[in-house]
Amino acid sequence: ANIAFIQLSQKNRHISGFSSQLCQVINDQLAIYVVVSEFEPAFVETLSLWTPLTTWPGANAENALNLPAVYRADGNFLDAKLSRWDESPLFDERIQLRYSALPTAVSPGDEIEIWLAFRAINPVTKVVSAFVHLYGDPLPAEGGQLWAQSDSQICEPYPATVWHPDETILQQFRLKIPEELAAGQYEIHAGIYESPAGARLPLTGPITNPLNSYPIAQIEILAP
C-alpha cells in the first residue's frame, strides 16, 4: 500500500523497522510509526509505555484490519522510567545501558520482568546480544555460581550495526528465580556479548570488573 503522509520536513530522516513483540525503538525527536502487520496487536499499548502516541490525521486506512496504521510520537518517558544516562554503564566505549527499576525482594519461583535500554554512542560493528544473570556471594569470578539467566540478541529485526545515535533500543528480559534457591541476598547483573555466543564486550565505565557485567540491582530472595 502507498502511504501518503510524509511531509518535506521528514524527507532526510532515517527509516528503521522492528517488531514490537521483540523490542521497541524510541527516537529523541519526532518519530512516525507505521504498523503494517496484523501480528502486532499490542503495538500501541507497549510503545505507549515509553512515548506518547497520537494518531496521524487522515493516515489510517479504512479496512477490516485498519492497516496500515500511522502514529506520531513526540518526546518520551525514558527518564521517568529508567536509570539515569549520566550514571549508565558503558560497554566497549560504544553502547550505553539503562535499566528499569526492579523489586527489592522476590520469592523462589517468581519471574522478574526487566527492561534494558541500549544506546550506541559510537558505531557498533558487530551484532550483539544481552544477558541478565543472577549471582550470589561469591560472584562467579570468585568461584561462585550462576543461579539464573536470560539471554537474547538485542532487537533482532533492527541489529546494533544499524542503530543511530538519537535512538534508544528497549527490550524486555524475564528472569525466572529457581524454586530451590536458598533465601539470602543476590545481585542481578547485565552485560553485552557478540552474537551468537562470542566474547563479552568489555565494561569500560563507570566501573570495571572481571565479569564484564554491571550490577543493576541488589535483590533479596525470601524464604519459601
N, C-alpha and C. Protein backbone atom coordinates (compact mmCIF):
# COMPACT_ATOMS: atom_id res chain seq x y z
N ALA A 1 0.84 -1.19 0.00
CA ALA A 1 0.00 0.00 0.00
C ALA A 1 0.87 1.24 0.00
N ASN A 2 0.41 2.30 -0.64
CA ASN A 2 1.10 3.58 -0.61
C ASN A 2 0.57 4.40 0.55
N ILE A 3 1.49 4.98 1.32
CA ILE A 3 1.10 5.77 2.48
C ILE A 3 1.56 7.20 2.25
N ALA A 4 0.64 8.08 1.92
CA ALA A 4 0.99 9.46 1.58
C ALA A 4 0.81 10.35 2.79
N PHE A 5 1.79 10.32 3.72
CA PHE A 5 1.68 11.17 4.89
C PHE A 5 3.00 11.87 5.21
N ILE A 6 4.07 11.56 4.49
CA ILE A 6 5.38 12.11 4.82
C ILE A 6 5.47 13.56 4.34
N GLN A 7 5.81 14.46 5.25
CA GLN A 7 5.97 15.86 4.91
C GLN A 7 7.42 16.13 4.51
N LEU A 8 7.66 17.27 3.87
CA LEU A 8 9.01 17.61 3.44
C LEU A 8 9.97 17.68 4.61
N SER A 9 9.49 18.06 5.80
CA SER A 9 10.36 18.18 6.96
C SER A 9 10.90 16.83 7.42
N GLN A 10 10.33 15.75 6.91
CA GLN A 10 10.76 14.41 7.30
C GLN A 10 11.61 13.72 6.23
N LYS A 11 11.88 14.37 5.12
CA LYS A 11 12.48 13.67 3.99
C LYS A 11 13.90 13.21 4.25
N ASN A 12 14.63 13.86 5.16
CA ASN A 12 16.01 13.47 5.43
C ASN A 12 16.15 12.59 6.67
N ARG A 13 15.05 12.18 7.25
CA ARG A 13 15.10 11.32 8.44
C ARG A 13 15.32 9.87 8.01
N HIS A 14 16.04 9.12 8.86
CA HIS A 14 16.28 7.72 8.54
C HIS A 14 15.04 6.88 8.84
N ILE A 15 14.99 5.71 8.23
CA ILE A 15 13.87 4.78 8.38
C ILE A 15 14.38 3.49 9.00
N SER A 16 13.69 3.00 10.00
CA SER A 16 14.06 1.73 10.63
C SER A 16 12.82 0.87 10.77
N GLY A 17 13.02 -0.43 10.92
CA GLY A 17 11.91 -1.36 11.08
C GLY A 17 12.19 -2.32 12.21
N PHE A 18 11.16 -2.64 12.99
CA PHE A 18 11.32 -3.57 14.10
C PHE A 18 9.99 -4.22 14.42
N SER A 19 10.05 -5.31 15.17
CA SER A 19 8.84 -5.99 15.65
C SER A 19 8.63 -5.60 17.11
N SER A 20 7.48 -5.03 17.42
CA SER A 20 7.22 -4.60 18.79
C SER A 20 7.10 -5.76 19.76
N GLN A 21 6.98 -6.98 19.25
CA GLN A 21 6.96 -8.15 20.12
C GLN A 21 8.36 -8.50 20.62
N LEU A 22 9.40 -7.95 19.95
CA LEU A 22 10.78 -8.25 20.33
C LEU A 22 11.48 -7.07 20.97
N CYS A 23 11.16 -5.86 20.54
CA CYS A 23 11.88 -4.69 21.03
C CYS A 23 11.09 -3.44 20.68
N GLN A 24 11.56 -2.31 21.21
CA GLN A 24 10.99 -1.01 20.89
C GLN A 24 12.13 -0.09 20.48
N VAL A 25 11.87 0.81 19.54
CA VAL A 25 12.86 1.80 19.12
C VAL A 25 12.26 3.18 19.38
N ILE A 26 12.89 3.93 20.28
CA ILE A 26 12.39 5.24 20.68
C ILE A 26 13.37 6.30 20.19
N ASN A 27 12.86 7.30 19.49
CA ASN A 27 13.70 8.36 18.94
C ASN A 27 13.66 9.59 19.84
N ASP A 28 14.77 10.33 19.87
CA ASP A 28 14.83 11.56 20.67
C ASP A 28 13.93 12.65 20.10
N GLN A 29 13.70 12.61 18.79
CA GLN A 29 12.93 13.64 18.13
C GLN A 29 11.54 13.11 17.76
N LEU A 30 10.84 13.90 16.96
CA LEU A 30 9.58 13.45 16.41
C LEU A 30 9.79 12.15 15.63
N ALA A 31 8.96 11.17 15.87
CA ALA A 31 9.04 9.90 15.15
C ALA A 31 7.66 9.54 14.62
N ILE A 32 7.64 8.90 13.46
CA ILE A 32 6.41 8.40 12.86
C ILE A 32 6.48 6.88 12.84
N TYR A 33 5.48 6.22 13.41
CA TYR A 33 5.44 4.76 13.45
C TYR A 33 4.31 4.27 12.55
N VAL A 34 4.62 3.32 11.69
CA VAL A 34 3.64 2.76 10.76
C VAL A 34 3.49 1.27 11.06
N VAL A 35 2.29 0.86 11.43
CA VAL A 35 2.02 -0.55 11.71
C VAL A 35 1.45 -1.18 10.45
N VAL A 36 2.16 -2.18 9.91
CA VAL A 36 1.73 -2.78 8.65
C VAL A 36 1.36 -4.25 8.81
N SER A 37 1.45 -4.79 10.02
CA SER A 37 1.18 -6.21 10.23
C SER A 37 0.06 -6.41 11.23
N GLU A 38 -0.81 -7.36 10.94
CA GLU A 38 -1.87 -7.70 11.89
C GLU A 38 -1.32 -8.46 13.09
N PHE A 39 -0.05 -8.85 13.06
CA PHE A 39 0.55 -9.61 14.15
C PHE A 39 1.23 -8.70 15.17
N GLU A 40 0.83 -7.45 15.21
CA GLU A 40 1.34 -6.50 16.21
C GLU A 40 0.17 -5.98 17.05
N PRO A 41 -0.62 -6.86 17.67
CA PRO A 41 -1.83 -6.40 18.35
C PRO A 41 -1.57 -5.49 19.55
N ALA A 42 -0.38 -5.62 20.17
CA ALA A 42 -0.09 -4.83 21.37
C ALA A 42 0.86 -3.67 21.08
N PHE A 43 1.00 -3.31 19.80
CA PHE A 43 1.98 -2.28 19.44
C PHE A 43 1.73 -0.98 20.20
N VAL A 44 0.52 -0.46 20.11
CA VAL A 44 0.22 0.84 20.73
C VAL A 44 0.36 0.74 22.24
N GLU A 45 -0.17 -0.31 22.83
CA GLU A 45 -0.11 -0.47 24.28
C GLU A 45 1.33 -0.52 24.78
N THR A 46 2.18 -1.29 24.09
CA THR A 46 3.56 -1.44 24.53
C THR A 46 4.38 -0.19 24.29
N LEU A 47 4.27 0.37 23.10
CA LEU A 47 5.07 1.56 22.80
C LEU A 47 4.64 2.74 23.66
N SER A 48 3.38 2.79 24.03
CA SER A 48 2.88 3.90 24.85
C SER A 48 3.48 3.90 26.25
N LEU A 49 4.11 2.80 26.65
CA LEU A 49 4.82 2.79 27.93
C LEU A 49 6.00 3.76 27.90
N TRP A 50 6.52 4.03 26.69
CA TRP A 50 7.78 4.76 26.57
C TRP A 50 7.67 6.08 25.83
N THR A 51 6.60 6.28 25.06
CA THR A 51 6.47 7.51 24.30
C THR A 51 4.99 7.82 24.08
N PRO A 52 4.57 9.08 24.11
CA PRO A 52 3.17 9.42 23.88
C PRO A 52 2.83 9.29 22.40
N LEU A 53 1.80 8.54 22.08
CA LEU A 53 1.40 8.30 20.69
C LEU A 53 0.09 9.02 20.38
N THR A 54 0.04 9.60 19.19
CA THR A 54 -1.22 10.14 18.69
C THR A 54 -1.40 9.63 17.26
N THR A 55 -2.64 9.47 16.86
CA THR A 55 -2.93 9.00 15.51
C THR A 55 -2.61 10.10 14.50
N TRP A 56 -1.90 9.71 13.44
CA TRP A 56 -1.58 10.67 12.38
C TRP A 56 -2.86 11.01 11.62
N PRO A 57 -3.27 12.27 11.57
CA PRO A 57 -4.56 12.63 10.97
C PRO A 57 -4.69 12.17 9.52
N GLY A 58 -5.74 11.43 9.25
CA GLY A 58 -6.07 11.04 7.88
C GLY A 58 -5.23 9.94 7.31
N ALA A 59 -4.31 9.36 8.11
CA ALA A 59 -3.39 8.37 7.54
C ALA A 59 -3.88 6.94 7.71
N ASN A 60 -4.67 6.67 8.74
CA ASN A 60 -5.05 5.29 9.00
C ASN A 60 -6.07 4.80 7.97
N ALA A 61 -5.85 3.57 7.54
CA ALA A 61 -6.66 3.01 6.46
C ALA A 61 -8.06 2.66 6.95
N GLU A 62 -8.97 2.62 6.00
CA GLU A 62 -10.33 2.21 6.31
C GLU A 62 -10.56 0.83 5.72
N ASN A 63 -10.14 -0.19 6.47
CA ASN A 63 -10.36 -1.57 6.06
C ASN A 63 -10.59 -2.40 7.30
N ALA A 64 -10.86 -3.68 7.11
CA ALA A 64 -11.25 -4.54 8.23
C ALA A 64 -10.18 -4.60 9.31
N LEU A 65 -8.90 -4.56 8.92
CA LEU A 65 -7.81 -4.65 9.89
C LEU A 65 -7.29 -3.29 10.32
N ASN A 66 -7.81 -2.21 9.70
CA ASN A 66 -7.34 -0.86 9.99
C ASN A 66 -5.83 -0.74 9.80
N LEU A 67 -5.33 -1.35 8.71
CA LEU A 67 -3.90 -1.31 8.41
C LEU A 67 -3.69 -0.73 7.01
N PRO A 68 -2.62 -0.01 6.79
CA PRO A 68 -1.62 0.38 7.79
C PRO A 68 -2.17 1.44 8.76
N ALA A 69 -1.64 1.44 9.98
CA ALA A 69 -1.99 2.44 10.98
C ALA A 69 -0.76 3.30 11.24
N VAL A 70 -0.95 4.59 11.34
CA VAL A 70 0.17 5.52 11.45
C VAL A 70 0.03 6.35 12.72
N TYR A 71 1.13 6.46 13.48
CA TYR A 71 1.12 7.18 14.74
C TYR A 71 2.30 8.14 14.80
N ARG A 72 2.10 9.19 15.52
CA ARG A 72 3.13 10.21 15.73
C ARG A 72 3.55 10.17 17.20
N ALA A 73 4.85 10.29 17.44
CA ALA A 73 5.38 10.29 18.81
C ALA A 73 6.27 11.51 19.01
N ASP A 74 5.95 12.30 20.00
CA ASP A 74 6.77 13.46 20.36
C ASP A 74 7.28 13.27 21.79
N GLY A 75 8.61 13.21 21.94
CA GLY A 75 9.16 13.04 23.28
C GLY A 75 9.07 11.61 23.76
N ASN A 76 9.46 11.40 25.02
CA ASN A 76 9.42 10.05 25.58
C ASN A 76 9.40 10.11 27.10
N PHE A 77 9.18 8.93 27.71
CA PHE A 77 9.11 8.82 29.17
C PHE A 77 10.35 8.12 29.74
N LEU A 78 11.43 8.03 28.98
CA LEU A 78 12.57 7.22 29.38
C LEU A 78 13.17 7.69 30.70
N ASP A 79 13.34 8.99 30.87
CA ASP A 79 13.99 9.48 32.08
C ASP A 79 13.17 9.19 33.33
N ALA A 80 11.86 9.09 33.17
CA ALA A 80 11.00 8.82 34.33
C ALA A 80 10.97 7.34 34.71
N LYS A 81 11.34 6.46 33.77
CA LYS A 81 11.15 5.02 34.00
C LYS A 81 12.44 4.21 34.02
N LEU A 82 13.56 4.85 33.69
CA LEU A 82 14.82 4.12 33.60
C LEU A 82 15.89 4.80 34.45
N SER A 83 16.98 4.07 34.69
CA SER A 83 18.13 4.64 35.36
C SER A 83 18.69 5.80 34.55
N ARG A 84 19.48 6.64 35.17
CA ARG A 84 19.96 7.86 34.53
C ARG A 84 21.06 7.57 33.52
N TRP A 85 21.03 8.35 32.40
CA TRP A 85 22.08 8.19 31.39
C TRP A 85 23.45 8.53 31.95
N ASP A 86 23.53 9.58 32.78
CA ASP A 86 24.84 10.02 33.25
C ASP A 86 25.44 9.07 34.28
N GLU A 87 24.69 8.06 34.70
CA GLU A 87 25.21 7.05 35.61
C GLU A 87 25.22 5.66 34.96
N SER A 88 25.00 5.61 33.66
CA SER A 88 24.81 4.33 33.00
C SER A 88 26.12 3.65 32.67
N PRO A 89 26.17 2.32 32.74
CA PRO A 89 27.37 1.60 32.33
C PRO A 89 27.62 1.72 30.84
N LEU A 90 28.90 1.64 30.47
CA LEU A 90 29.32 1.75 29.09
C LEU A 90 30.10 0.50 28.72
N PHE A 91 29.73 -0.09 27.59
CA PHE A 91 30.38 -1.31 27.12
C PHE A 91 31.17 -1.03 25.85
N ASP A 92 32.45 -1.38 25.89
CA ASP A 92 33.33 -1.27 24.73
C ASP A 92 33.39 0.17 24.19
N GLU A 93 33.16 1.14 25.05
CA GLU A 93 33.15 2.56 24.64
C GLU A 93 32.15 2.82 23.53
N ARG A 94 31.15 1.94 23.37
CA ARG A 94 30.21 2.06 22.26
C ARG A 94 28.75 2.08 22.69
N ILE A 95 28.37 1.21 23.61
CA ILE A 95 26.96 1.04 23.94
C ILE A 95 26.71 1.39 25.40
N GLN A 96 25.80 2.33 25.62
CA GLN A 96 25.36 2.65 26.97
C GLN A 96 24.14 1.83 27.31
N LEU A 97 24.02 1.50 28.60
CA LEU A 97 22.92 0.66 29.07
C LEU A 97 22.17 1.37 30.18
N ARG A 98 20.84 1.36 30.07
CA ARG A 98 19.96 1.78 31.16
C ARG A 98 19.03 0.63 31.49
N TYR A 99 18.34 0.73 32.61
CA TYR A 99 17.50 -0.39 33.05
C TYR A 99 16.36 0.12 33.91
N SER A 100 15.29 -0.67 33.95
CA SER A 100 14.10 -0.32 34.72
C SER A 100 14.32 -0.62 36.20
N ALA A 101 13.50 0.01 37.04
CA ALA A 101 13.53 -0.28 38.47
C ALA A 101 13.06 -1.71 38.71
N LEU A 102 13.67 -2.37 39.68
CA LEU A 102 13.37 -3.77 39.96
C LEU A 102 12.90 -3.93 41.41
N PRO A 103 12.16 -5.00 41.69
CA PRO A 103 11.74 -5.23 43.07
C PRO A 103 12.94 -5.49 43.98
N THR A 104 12.80 -5.17 45.24
CA THR A 104 13.89 -5.40 46.19
C THR A 104 13.85 -6.80 46.79
N ALA A 105 12.71 -7.48 46.66
CA ALA A 105 12.59 -8.83 47.22
C ALA A 105 11.62 -9.64 46.38
N VAL A 106 11.94 -10.92 46.17
CA VAL A 106 11.08 -11.85 45.44
C VAL A 106 11.16 -13.21 46.12
N SER A 107 10.28 -14.11 45.71
CA SER A 107 10.25 -15.46 46.26
C SER A 107 10.74 -16.46 45.23
N PRO A 108 11.24 -17.61 45.67
CA PRO A 108 11.60 -18.67 44.71
C PRO A 108 10.43 -19.00 43.80
N GLY A 109 10.69 -19.16 42.52
CA GLY A 109 9.64 -19.44 41.54
C GLY A 109 9.08 -18.20 40.88
N ASP A 110 9.38 -17.01 41.42
CA ASP A 110 8.90 -15.78 40.80
C ASP A 110 9.63 -15.51 39.49
N GLU A 111 9.01 -14.72 38.62
CA GLU A 111 9.64 -14.28 37.38
C GLU A 111 9.74 -12.76 37.41
N ILE A 112 10.94 -12.25 37.19
CA ILE A 112 11.18 -10.80 37.23
C ILE A 112 11.21 -10.27 35.80
N GLU A 113 10.43 -9.23 35.54
CA GLU A 113 10.44 -8.57 34.24
C GLU A 113 11.43 -7.40 34.29
N ILE A 114 12.37 -7.40 33.37
CA ILE A 114 13.44 -6.40 33.36
C ILE A 114 13.50 -5.75 31.98
N TRP A 115 13.35 -4.44 31.94
CA TRP A 115 13.55 -3.71 30.69
C TRP A 115 14.97 -3.18 30.64
N LEU A 116 15.69 -3.48 29.56
CA LEU A 116 17.00 -2.92 29.32
C LEU A 116 16.91 -1.95 28.14
N ALA A 117 17.64 -0.85 28.24
CA ALA A 117 17.65 0.16 27.18
C ALA A 117 19.08 0.37 26.71
N PHE A 118 19.28 0.36 25.40
CA PHE A 118 20.61 0.42 24.81
C PHE A 118 20.71 1.63 23.89
N ARG A 119 21.91 2.24 23.87
CA ARG A 119 22.13 3.41 23.02
C ARG A 119 23.56 3.36 22.50
N ALA A 120 23.72 3.51 21.20
CA ALA A 120 25.04 3.48 20.59
C ALA A 120 25.60 4.90 20.58
N ILE A 121 26.65 5.14 21.37
CA ILE A 121 27.28 6.46 21.37
C ILE A 121 28.42 6.51 20.37
N ASN A 122 28.87 5.34 19.91
CA ASN A 122 29.82 5.21 18.81
C ASN A 122 29.34 4.08 17.92
N PRO A 123 29.75 4.05 16.65
CA PRO A 123 29.26 2.99 15.76
C PRO A 123 29.58 1.59 16.29
N VAL A 124 28.60 0.71 16.13
CA VAL A 124 28.76 -0.70 16.54
C VAL A 124 28.96 -1.53 15.28
N THR A 125 30.01 -2.30 15.25
CA THR A 125 30.39 -3.01 14.02
C THR A 125 29.97 -4.47 14.01
N LYS A 126 29.44 -4.97 15.14
CA LYS A 126 29.04 -6.37 15.21
C LYS A 126 27.65 -6.50 15.83
N VAL A 127 26.93 -7.54 15.43
CA VAL A 127 25.64 -7.84 16.04
C VAL A 127 25.89 -8.32 17.47
N VAL A 128 25.09 -7.83 18.40
CA VAL A 128 25.33 -8.14 19.81
C VAL A 128 24.06 -8.66 20.49
N SER A 129 24.29 -9.39 21.56
CA SER A 129 23.23 -9.91 22.42
C SER A 129 23.43 -9.35 23.82
N ALA A 130 22.41 -9.49 24.65
CA ALA A 130 22.49 -9.05 26.05
C ALA A 130 22.10 -10.20 26.95
N PHE A 131 22.61 -10.15 28.18
CA PHE A 131 22.24 -11.16 29.17
C PHE A 131 21.87 -10.48 30.48
N VAL A 132 21.03 -11.17 31.23
CA VAL A 132 20.71 -10.79 32.60
C VAL A 132 20.98 -12.03 33.45
N HIS A 133 21.84 -11.90 34.45
CA HIS A 133 22.26 -13.03 35.28
C HIS A 133 21.97 -12.76 36.75
N LEU A 134 21.69 -13.82 37.48
CA LEU A 134 21.51 -13.75 38.92
C LEU A 134 22.71 -14.41 39.59
N TYR A 135 23.44 -13.61 40.39
CA TYR A 135 24.62 -14.10 41.09
C TYR A 135 24.40 -14.01 42.60
N GLY A 136 25.10 -14.86 43.30
CA GLY A 136 25.13 -14.78 44.75
C GLY A 136 26.49 -14.33 45.23
N ASP A 137 26.78 -14.62 46.47
CA ASP A 137 28.08 -14.31 47.06
C ASP A 137 28.74 -15.62 47.47
N PRO A 138 29.87 -15.97 46.83
CA PRO A 138 30.73 -15.16 45.98
C PRO A 138 30.23 -15.10 44.53
N LEU A 139 30.78 -14.12 43.78
CA LEU A 139 30.48 -13.99 42.36
C LEU A 139 31.17 -15.10 41.57
N PRO A 140 30.70 -15.38 40.35
CA PRO A 140 31.34 -16.43 39.53
C PRO A 140 32.84 -16.24 39.35
N ALA A 141 33.31 -14.99 39.23
CA ALA A 141 34.74 -14.75 39.08
C ALA A 141 35.52 -15.14 40.32
N GLU A 142 34.81 -15.32 41.44
CA GLU A 142 35.44 -15.70 42.70
C GLU A 142 35.10 -17.14 43.08
N GLY A 143 34.56 -17.87 42.11
CA GLY A 143 34.22 -19.27 42.36
C GLY A 143 32.75 -19.52 42.65
N GLY A 144 31.92 -18.48 42.58
CA GLY A 144 30.50 -18.64 42.85
C GLY A 144 29.74 -19.18 41.66
N GLN A 145 28.41 -19.26 41.79
CA GLN A 145 27.56 -19.93 40.81
C GLN A 145 26.64 -18.93 40.11
N LEU A 146 26.33 -19.23 38.85
CA LEU A 146 25.28 -18.53 38.12
C LEU A 146 23.97 -19.22 38.44
N TRP A 147 23.02 -18.48 39.06
CA TRP A 147 21.80 -19.10 39.55
C TRP A 147 20.63 -19.01 38.57
N ALA A 148 20.62 -18.00 37.74
CA ALA A 148 19.54 -17.85 36.75
C ALA A 148 20.02 -16.92 35.65
N GLN A 149 19.45 -17.08 34.46
CA GLN A 149 19.88 -16.23 33.36
C GLN A 149 18.79 -16.07 32.31
N SER A 150 18.92 -14.97 31.56
CA SER A 150 18.06 -14.70 30.41
C SER A 150 18.94 -14.02 29.37
N ASP A 151 19.01 -14.60 28.16
CA ASP A 151 19.87 -14.08 27.10
C ASP A 151 19.06 -13.93 25.81
N SER A 152 19.41 -12.92 25.01
CA SER A 152 18.75 -12.75 23.72
C SER A 152 19.54 -11.76 22.88
N GLN A 153 19.50 -11.96 21.55
CA GLN A 153 20.04 -10.93 20.67
C GLN A 153 19.25 -9.65 20.88
N ILE A 154 19.93 -8.53 20.85
CA ILE A 154 19.26 -7.26 21.06
C ILE A 154 18.55 -6.85 19.78
N CYS A 155 17.25 -6.75 19.86
CA CYS A 155 16.40 -6.27 18.76
C CYS A 155 16.79 -6.92 17.43
N GLU A 156 16.55 -8.20 17.31
CA GLU A 156 16.98 -8.96 16.13
C GLU A 156 16.56 -8.33 14.80
N PRO A 157 15.33 -7.79 14.66
CA PRO A 157 14.97 -7.19 13.37
C PRO A 157 15.72 -5.89 13.07
N TYR A 158 16.30 -5.29 14.08
CA TYR A 158 16.98 -4.00 13.93
C TYR A 158 18.29 -4.06 14.74
N PRO A 159 19.32 -4.73 14.21
CA PRO A 159 20.53 -5.02 14.98
C PRO A 159 21.38 -3.78 15.25
N ALA A 160 22.32 -3.93 16.16
CA ALA A 160 23.12 -2.80 16.63
C ALA A 160 23.96 -2.17 15.52
N THR A 161 24.28 -2.89 14.49
CA THR A 161 25.11 -2.36 13.41
C THR A 161 24.42 -1.26 12.62
N VAL A 162 23.12 -1.10 12.77
CA VAL A 162 22.40 -0.04 12.04
C VAL A 162 21.75 0.97 12.98
N TRP A 163 22.06 0.92 14.26
CA TRP A 163 21.49 1.89 15.19
C TRP A 163 22.00 3.30 14.90
N HIS A 164 21.15 4.27 15.23
CA HIS A 164 21.51 5.67 15.08
C HIS A 164 21.71 6.29 16.47
N PRO A 165 22.54 7.32 16.57
CA PRO A 165 22.87 7.87 17.89
C PRO A 165 21.72 8.58 18.60
N ASP A 166 20.63 8.88 17.89
CA ASP A 166 19.49 9.54 18.53
C ASP A 166 18.38 8.55 18.88
N GLU A 167 18.71 7.26 18.94
CA GLU A 167 17.71 6.23 19.24
C GLU A 167 18.05 5.51 20.54
N THR A 168 17.01 5.06 21.21
CA THR A 168 17.14 4.15 22.35
C THR A 168 16.41 2.87 22.00
N ILE A 169 17.08 1.74 22.16
CA ILE A 169 16.51 0.43 21.85
C ILE A 169 16.12 -0.23 23.17
N LEU A 170 14.87 -0.59 23.30
CA LEU A 170 14.37 -1.20 24.53
C LEU A 170 13.98 -2.65 24.29
N GLN A 171 14.31 -3.50 25.26
CA GLN A 171 13.95 -4.91 25.15
C GLN A 171 13.68 -5.46 26.54
N GLN A 172 12.66 -6.30 26.62
CA GLN A 172 12.30 -6.89 27.91
C GLN A 172 12.94 -8.27 28.07
N PHE A 173 13.46 -8.51 29.26
CA PHE A 173 14.02 -9.81 29.64
C PHE A 173 13.24 -10.32 30.84
N ARG A 174 13.11 -11.64 30.91
CA ARG A 174 12.40 -12.27 32.03
C ARG A 174 13.36 -13.23 32.73
N LEU A 175 13.53 -12.99 34.04
CA LEU A 175 14.46 -13.79 34.82
C LEU A 175 13.67 -14.65 35.80
N LYS A 176 13.72 -15.96 35.60
CA LYS A 176 12.99 -16.91 36.44
C LYS A 176 13.85 -17.31 37.63
N ILE A 177 13.32 -17.08 38.83
CA ILE A 177 14.04 -17.44 40.05
C ILE A 177 13.82 -18.93 40.34
N PRO A 178 14.91 -19.71 40.49
CA PRO A 178 14.74 -21.15 40.72
C PRO A 178 13.93 -21.45 41.98
N GLU A 179 13.11 -22.48 41.89
CA GLU A 179 12.27 -22.88 43.02
C GLU A 179 13.10 -23.27 44.23
N GLU A 180 14.28 -23.86 44.00
CA GLU A 180 15.09 -24.39 45.09
C GLU A 180 16.11 -23.39 45.63
N LEU A 181 16.09 -22.14 45.15
CA LEU A 181 17.11 -21.19 45.53
C LEU A 181 16.99 -20.81 47.00
N ALA A 182 18.12 -20.83 47.70
CA ALA A 182 18.14 -20.53 49.13
C ALA A 182 17.86 -19.04 49.37
N ALA A 183 17.25 -18.75 50.49
CA ALA A 183 17.00 -17.35 50.85
C ALA A 183 18.31 -16.62 51.07
N GLY A 184 18.29 -15.32 50.81
CA GLY A 184 19.50 -14.52 51.02
C GLY A 184 19.59 -13.36 50.05
N GLN A 185 20.75 -12.69 50.05
CA GLN A 185 20.99 -11.54 49.20
C GLN A 185 21.69 -11.96 47.92
N TYR A 186 21.22 -11.42 46.79
CA TYR A 186 21.77 -11.76 45.49
C TYR A 186 21.92 -10.48 44.67
N GLU A 187 22.63 -10.57 43.55
CA GLU A 187 22.80 -9.45 42.63
C GLU A 187 22.31 -9.84 41.24
N ILE A 188 21.66 -8.90 40.57
CA ILE A 188 21.31 -9.08 39.17
C ILE A 188 22.29 -8.27 38.34
N HIS A 189 22.96 -8.94 37.41
CA HIS A 189 23.94 -8.29 36.53
C HIS A 189 23.43 -8.31 35.10
N ALA A 190 23.84 -7.31 34.32
CA ALA A 190 23.54 -7.27 32.90
C ALA A 190 24.83 -7.02 32.13
N GLY A 191 24.88 -7.56 30.91
CA GLY A 191 26.06 -7.38 30.08
C GLY A 191 25.72 -7.60 28.62
N ILE A 192 26.71 -7.41 27.77
CA ILE A 192 26.54 -7.50 26.31
C ILE A 192 27.66 -8.35 25.75
N TYR A 193 27.32 -9.17 24.75
CA TYR A 193 28.34 -10.00 24.11
C TYR A 193 28.07 -10.10 22.62
N GLU A 194 29.08 -10.52 21.87
CA GLU A 194 28.95 -10.68 20.43
C GLU A 194 28.06 -11.88 20.12
N SER A 195 27.10 -11.69 19.23
CA SER A 195 26.20 -12.78 18.85
C SER A 195 26.91 -13.72 17.88
N PRO A 196 26.56 -15.04 17.90
CA PRO A 196 25.54 -15.63 18.79
C PRO A 196 26.10 -16.07 20.14
N ALA A 197 27.39 -16.35 20.24
CA ALA A 197 27.95 -16.83 21.50
C ALA A 197 29.41 -16.41 21.62
N GLY A 198 29.68 -15.16 21.29
CA GLY A 198 31.05 -14.68 21.29
C GLY A 198 31.47 -14.07 22.61
N ALA A 199 32.57 -13.34 22.58
CA ALA A 199 33.13 -12.75 23.78
C ALA A 199 32.26 -11.61 24.29
N ARG A 200 32.31 -11.42 25.61
CA ARG A 200 31.60 -10.30 26.21
C ARG A 200 32.29 -8.99 25.83
N LEU A 201 31.48 -7.97 25.61
CA LEU A 201 32.05 -6.64 25.41
C LEU A 201 32.60 -6.16 26.74
N PRO A 202 33.78 -5.55 26.73
CA PRO A 202 34.36 -5.09 28.00
C PRO A 202 33.52 -3.98 28.62
N LEU A 203 33.38 -4.05 29.92
CA LEU A 203 32.72 -2.99 30.67
C LEU A 203 33.75 -1.89 30.91
N THR A 204 33.55 -0.74 30.29
CA THR A 204 34.57 0.31 30.30
C THR A 204 34.20 1.51 31.16
N GLY A 205 33.10 1.47 31.85
CA GLY A 205 32.74 2.55 32.76
C GLY A 205 31.31 2.37 33.26
N PRO A 206 30.95 2.97 34.39
CA PRO A 206 31.80 3.74 35.28
C PRO A 206 32.69 2.87 36.18
N ILE A 207 32.49 1.54 36.14
CA ILE A 207 33.33 0.61 36.87
C ILE A 207 33.83 -0.45 35.88
N THR A 208 34.80 -1.22 36.30
CA THR A 208 35.24 -2.40 35.54
C THR A 208 35.29 -3.57 36.50
N ASN A 209 35.14 -4.78 35.94
CA ASN A 209 35.27 -5.99 36.77
C ASN A 209 35.59 -7.17 35.86
N PRO A 210 36.07 -8.28 36.42
CA PRO A 210 36.46 -9.42 35.59
C PRO A 210 35.30 -10.05 34.84
N LEU A 211 34.07 -9.85 35.31
CA LEU A 211 32.90 -10.46 34.66
C LEU A 211 32.46 -9.67 33.43
N ASN A 212 32.90 -8.41 33.30
CA ASN A 212 32.39 -7.53 32.24
C ASN A 212 30.87 -7.50 32.25
N SER A 213 30.33 -7.40 33.46
CA SER A 213 28.88 -7.25 33.64
C SER A 213 28.65 -6.17 34.69
N TYR A 214 27.47 -5.56 34.64
CA TYR A 214 27.18 -4.45 35.54
C TYR A 214 26.07 -4.84 36.51
N PRO A 215 26.26 -4.61 37.82
CA PRO A 215 25.22 -4.94 38.80
C PRO A 215 24.08 -3.93 38.74
N ILE A 216 22.93 -4.34 38.21
CA ILE A 216 21.81 -3.41 38.06
C ILE A 216 20.88 -3.43 39.27
N ALA A 217 21.01 -4.42 40.14
CA ALA A 217 20.12 -4.48 41.32
C ALA A 217 20.64 -5.44 42.36
N GLN A 218 20.42 -5.08 43.60
CA GLN A 218 20.56 -6.00 44.74
C GLN A 218 19.16 -6.50 45.05
N ILE A 219 19.03 -7.79 45.27
CA ILE A 219 17.70 -8.35 45.48
C ILE A 219 17.73 -9.41 46.57
N GLU A 220 16.69 -9.43 47.37
CA GLU A 220 16.58 -10.43 48.43
C GLU A 220 15.67 -11.55 47.97
N ILE A 221 16.14 -12.79 48.11
CA ILE A 221 15.30 -13.96 47.87
C ILE A 221 14.72 -14.37 49.21
N LEU A 222 13.41 -14.34 49.30
CA LEU A 222 12.72 -14.65 50.56
C LEU A 222 12.67 -16.15 50.80
N ALA A 223 12.52 -16.52 52.04
CA ALA A 223 12.35 -17.93 52.37
C ALA A 223 11.01 -18.41 51.86
N PRO A 224 10.94 -19.66 51.35
CA PRO A 224 9.66 -20.17 50.83
C PRO A 224 8.60 -20.27 51.94
